[in-house]
C-alpha atoms as a PDB file:
ATOM      1  CA  MET A   1      44.248  12.768 -20.524  1.00  0.00           C
ATOM      2  CA  PRO A   2      41.440  10.343 -21.478  1.00  0.00           C
ATOM      3  CA  ALA A   3      37.869  11.183 -20.524  1.00  0.00           C
ATOM      4  CA  PRO A   4      36.375   8.943 -17.819  1.00  0.00           C
ATOM      5  CA  ASP A   5      33.824   6.413 -18.988  1.00  0.00           C
ATOM      6  CA  ARG A   6      30.372   7.815 -18.401  1.00  0.00           C
ATOM      7  CA  LYS A   7      27.019   6.253 -18.913  1.00  0.00           C
ATOM      8  CA  PRO A   8      24.958   7.923 -21.587  1.00  0.00           C
ATOM      9  CA  PRO A   9      22.023   9.899 -20.196  1.00  0.00           C
ATOM     10  CA  ALA A  10      18.875   7.871 -19.728  1.00  0.00           C
ATOM     11  CA  PRO A  11      16.154   8.486 -22.292  1.00  0.00           C
ATOM     12  CA  PRO A  12      13.217  10.520 -21.019  1.00  0.00           C
ATOM     13  CA  THR A  13      10.630   8.444 -19.197  1.00  0.00           C
ATOM     14  CA  VAL A  14       7.431   7.984 -21.176  1.00  0.00           C
ATOM     15  CA  LEU A  15       4.454   7.668 -18.872  1.00  0.00           C
ATOM     16  CA  PRO A  16       0.810   6.992 -19.615  1.00  0.00           C
ATOM     17  CA  ARG A  17      -1.227  10.211 -19.607  1.00  0.00           C
ATOM     18  CA  PRO A  18      -3.248   9.289 -16.485  1.00  0.00           C
ATOM     19  CA  VAL A  19       0.001   8.772 -14.542  1.00  0.00           C
ATOM     20  CA  GLU A  20       1.392  12.092 -15.798  1.00  0.00           C
ATOM     21  CA  ARG A  21      -1.797  13.875 -14.755  1.00  0.00           C
ATOM     22  CA  ALA A  22      -1.774  12.194 -11.337  1.00  0.00           C
ATOM     23  CA  LEU A  23       1.848  13.207 -10.715  1.00  0.00           C
ATOM     24  CA  HIS A  24       1.117  16.760 -11.782  1.00  0.00           C
ATOM     25  CA  THR A  25      -1.986  16.959  -9.562  1.00  0.00           C
ATOM     26  CA  LEU A  26      -0.157  15.425  -6.605  1.00  0.00           C
ATOM     27  CA  GLY A  27       2.646  17.950  -7.048  1.00  0.00           C
ATOM     28  CA  GLN A  28       0.183  20.842  -7.149  1.00  0.00           C
ATOM     29  CA  ASP A  29      -1.569  19.528  -4.036  1.00  0.00           C
ATOM     30  CA  ILE A  30       1.728  19.204  -2.162  1.00  0.00           C
ATOM     31  CA  SER A  31       2.633  22.754  -3.197  1.00  0.00           C
ATOM     32  CA  ALA A  32      -0.734  24.081  -2.000  1.00  0.00           C
ATOM     33  CA  ALA A  33      -0.490  22.164   1.298  1.00  0.00           C
ATOM     34  CA  ARG A  34       3.017  23.558   1.839  1.00  0.00           C
ATOM     35  CA  ARG A  35       1.870  27.119   1.165  1.00  0.00           C
ATOM     36  CA  MET A  36      -1.235  26.761   3.379  1.00  0.00           C
ATOM     37  CA  ARG A  37       1.136  25.816   6.199  1.00  0.00           C
ATOM     38  CA  ARG A  38       3.259  28.877   5.401  1.00  0.00           C
ATOM     39  CA  LEU A  39       6.331  26.760   4.643  1.00  0.00           C
ATOM     40  CA  SER A  40       8.916  27.716   2.054  1.00  0.00           C
ATOM     41  CA  GLN A  41      10.345  25.048  -0.213  1.00  0.00           C
ATOM     42  CA  GLU A  42      13.570  25.359   1.785  1.00  0.00           C
ATOM     43  CA  ASP A  43      11.732  24.753   5.092  1.00  0.00           C
ATOM     44  CA  LEU A  44       9.897  21.741   3.699  1.00  0.00           C
ATOM     45  CA  ALA A  45      13.106  20.322   2.232  1.00  0.00           C
ATOM     46  CA  GLN A  46      14.891  20.638   5.560  1.00  0.00           C
ATOM     47  CA  ARG A  47      12.055  19.024   7.519  1.00  0.00           C
ATOM     48  CA  ALA A  48      11.652  16.201   4.987  1.00  0.00           C
ATOM     49  CA  GLY A  49      15.382  15.547   4.762  1.00  0.00           C
ATOM     50  CA  ALA A  50      15.433  16.319   1.050  1.00  0.00           C
ATOM     51  CA  SER A  51      17.054  18.908  -1.177  1.00  0.00           C
ATOM     52  CA  VAL A  52      15.220  21.985  -2.424  1.00  0.00           C
ATOM     53  CA  SER A  53      15.569  20.684  -5.972  1.00  0.00           C
ATOM     54  CA  THR A  54      13.786  17.460  -4.931  1.00  0.00           C
ATOM     55  CA  ILE A  55      10.895  19.489  -3.508  1.00  0.00           C
ATOM     56  CA  ARG A  56      10.750  21.559  -6.705  1.00  0.00           C
ATOM     57  CA  ARG A  57      10.749  18.436  -8.903  1.00  0.00           C
ATOM     58  CA  MET A  58       8.069  16.873  -6.711  1.00  0.00           C
ATOM     59  CA  GLU A  59       5.846  19.952  -6.948  1.00  0.00           C
ATOM     60  CA  ASP A  60       6.414  20.030 -10.727  1.00  0.00           C
ATOM     61  CA  GLY A  61       5.290  16.392 -11.018  1.00  0.00           C
ATOM     62  CA  HIS A  62       8.659  15.122 -12.223  1.00  0.00           C
ATOM     63  CA  PRO A  63       8.413  11.344 -12.777  1.00  0.00           C
ATOM     64  CA  GLY A  64      11.918  10.608 -11.463  1.00  0.00           C
ATOM     65  CA  THR A  65      11.206  11.769  -7.914  1.00  0.00           C
ATOM     66  CA  ALA A  66      11.659   8.938  -5.426  1.00  0.00           C
ATOM     67  CA  LEU A  67       8.621   7.565  -3.652  1.00  0.00           C
ATOM     68  CA  HIS A  68      10.294   7.884  -0.253  1.00  0.00           C
ATOM     69  CA  ALA A  69      10.682  11.631  -0.885  1.00  0.00           C
ATOM     70  CA  PHE A  70       6.935  11.911  -1.491  1.00  0.00           C
ATOM     71  CA  LEU A  71       6.171   9.890   1.642  1.00  0.00           C
ATOM     72  CA  ARG A  72       8.526  11.893   3.863  1.00  0.00           C
ATOM     73  CA  THR A  73       7.021  15.104   2.513  1.00  0.00           C
ATOM     74  CA  LEU A  74       3.494  13.854   3.180  1.00  0.00           C
ATOM     75  CA  GLN A  75       4.556  12.989   6.725  1.00  0.00           C
ATOM     76  CA  VAL A  76       5.863  16.525   7.299  1.00  0.00           C
ATOM     77  CA  LEU A  77       2.595  17.916   5.928  1.00  0.00           C
ATOM     78  CA  GLY A  78       0.557  15.595   8.192  1.00  0.00           C
ATOM     79  CA  ARG A  79      -0.957  13.725   5.240  1.00  0.00           C
ATOM     80  CA  LEU A  80       0.852  10.358   5.385  1.00  0.00           C
ATOM     81  CA  GLU A  81      -2.004   8.578   7.158  1.00  0.00           C
ATOM     82  CA  GLY A  82      -4.341   9.506   4.314  1.00  0.00           C
ATOM     83  CA  MET A  83      -2.010   7.789   1.853  1.00  0.00           C
ATOM     84  CA  THR A  84      -1.821   4.613   3.918  1.00  0.00           C
ATOM     85  CA  ARG A  85      -5.621   4.556   4.312  1.00  0.00           C
ATOM     86  CA  LEU A  86      -5.987   5.001   0.571  1.00  0.00           C
ATOM     87  CA  MET A  87      -3.850   1.925  -0.094  1.00  0.00           C
ATOM     88  CA  ALA A  88      -5.334  -0.246   2.696  1.00  0.00           C
ATOM     89  CA  LEU A  89      -6.525  -3.655   1.511  1.00  0.00           C
ATOM     90  CA  GLU A  90     -10.052  -3.079   2.782  1.00  0.00           C
ATOM     91  CA  SER A  91     -10.232  -0.055   0.462  1.00  0.00           C
ATOM     92  CA  ASP A  92      -9.366  -2.174  -2.582  1.00  0.00           C
ATOM     93  CA  ASP A  93     -12.856  -2.845  -3.938  1.00  0.00           C
ATOM     94  CA  LEU A  94     -11.602  -4.406  -7.185  1.00  0.00           C
ATOM     95  CA  GLY A  95      -9.133  -6.692  -5.391  1.00  0.00           C
ATOM     96  CA  LEU A  96     -11.763  -7.828  -2.907  1.00  0.00           C
ATOM     97  CA  GLU A  97     -14.231  -8.508  -5.730  1.00  0.00           C
ATOM     98  CA  LEU A  98     -11.636 -10.581  -7.613  1.00  0.00           C
ATOM     99  CA  VAL A  99     -10.953 -12.651  -4.493  1.00  0.00           C
ATOM    100  CA  LYS A 100     -14.691 -13.079  -3.917  1.00  0.00           C
ATOM    101  CA  VAL A 101     -15.172 -14.413  -7.460  1.00  0.00           C
ATOM    102  CA  GLN A 102     -12.496 -17.067  -6.824  1.00  0.00           C
ATOM    103  CA  LEU A 103     -14.074 -18.350  -3.610  1.00  0.00           C
ATOM    104  CA  PRO A 104     -15.336 -21.931  -3.870  1.00  0.00           C
ATOM    105  CA  GLN A 105     -19.076 -22.363  -4.224  1.00  0.00           C
ATOM    106  CA  ARG A 106     -19.166 -24.928  -1.434  1.00  0.00           C
ATOM    107  CA  ILE A 107     -16.823 -26.621   0.994  1.00  0.00           C
ATOM    108  CA  ARG A 108     -17.015 -30.388   1.326  1.00  0.00           C
ATOM    109  CA  THR A 109     -16.108 -32.184   4.508  1.00  0.00           C
ATOM    110  CA  ARG A 110     -13.560 -34.973   4.353  1.00  0.00           C
ATOM    111  CA  GLY A 111     -16.145 -37.557   5.264  1.00  0.00           C
ATOM    112  CA  LYS A 112     -18.335 -38.606   8.121  1.00  0.00           C
ATOM    113  CA  LYS A 113     -16.027 -41.391   9.299  1.00  0.00           C
ATOM    114  CA  SER A 114     -13.356 -39.147  10.789  1.00  0.00           C
ATOM    115  CA  GLY A 115     -15.937 -36.960  12.516  1.00  0.00           C
ATOM    116  CA  GLU A 116     -17.872 -39.968  13.782  1.00  0.00           C
ATOM    117  CA  ARG A 117     -14.721 -41.617  15.164  1.00  0.00           C
ATOM    118  CA  ARG A 118     -13.737 -38.472  17.011  1.00  0.00           C
ATOM    119  CA  SER A 119     -17.195 -38.052  18.569  1.00  0.00           C
ATOM    120  CA  ALA A 120     -17.481 -41.735  19.415  1.00  0.00           C
ATOM    121  CA  GLY A 121     -14.071 -41.785  21.085  1.00  0.00           C
ATOM    122  CA  LEU A 122     -14.954 -38.843  23.272  1.00  0.00           C
ATOM    123  CA  GLU A 123     -18.332 -40.282  24.204  1.00  0.00           C
ATOM    124  CA  GLU A 124     -16.698 -43.583  25.257  1.00  0.00           C
ATOM    125  CA  SER A 125     -14.342 -41.694  27.563  1.00  0.00           C
ATOM    126  CA  GLY A 126     -17.300 -39.967  29.215  1.00  0.00           C
ATOM    127  CA  GLU A 127     -16.638 -36.595  27.572  1.00  0.00           C
ATOM    128  CA  THR A 128     -19.109 -34.811  25.405  1.00  0.00           C
ATOM    129  CA  ILE A 129     -18.248 -32.654  22.461  1.00  0.00           C
ATOM    130  CA  SER A 130     -20.124 -29.571  21.405  1.00  0.00           C
ATOM    131  CA  ARG A 131     -20.077 -27.877  18.014  1.00  0.00           C
ATOM    132  CA  SER A 132     -18.262 -24.837  19.444  1.00  0.00           C
ATOM    133  CA  ASP A 133     -15.505 -27.081  20.851  1.00  0.00           C
ATOM    134  CA  GLU A 134     -14.784 -28.498  17.413  1.00  0.00           C
ATOM    135  CA  LEU A 135     -14.038 -25.029  16.030  1.00  0.00           C
ATOM    136  CA  GLU A 136     -12.026 -23.791  18.994  1.00  0.00           C
ATOM    137  CA  GLY A 137      -8.612 -22.567  17.924  1.00  0.00           C
ATOM    138  CA  PHE A 138      -9.574 -22.742  14.271  1.00  0.00           C
END
């Protein structure tokens, strides 16, 4: 009987050292948070909807652990909000600085004629226009 066609095993993932260290630290922190809450790996796995081996791999800092497993685990541990705050756009100092650098130095109006026509037309009809009215709904 011929052997079924199987894919060869994937080569081990090579990660940059800072990423490896971050995964390892995150795994240790999850393990400590679990133990501080007096949860076994089995309890955490059940509550997070994951297998015990997934929790073990996560706590060991295994690079193949799915992000959703980390997020569900953080939710069970009551730490998910901290992760979302960490990644909030207003917390991205570098990103905000890069956007700030690309802002134009000045904004030019399209020309006085269009603004003058609009004001003149309103004045002829007996209406007056204020500066705050021009920006309303902007």
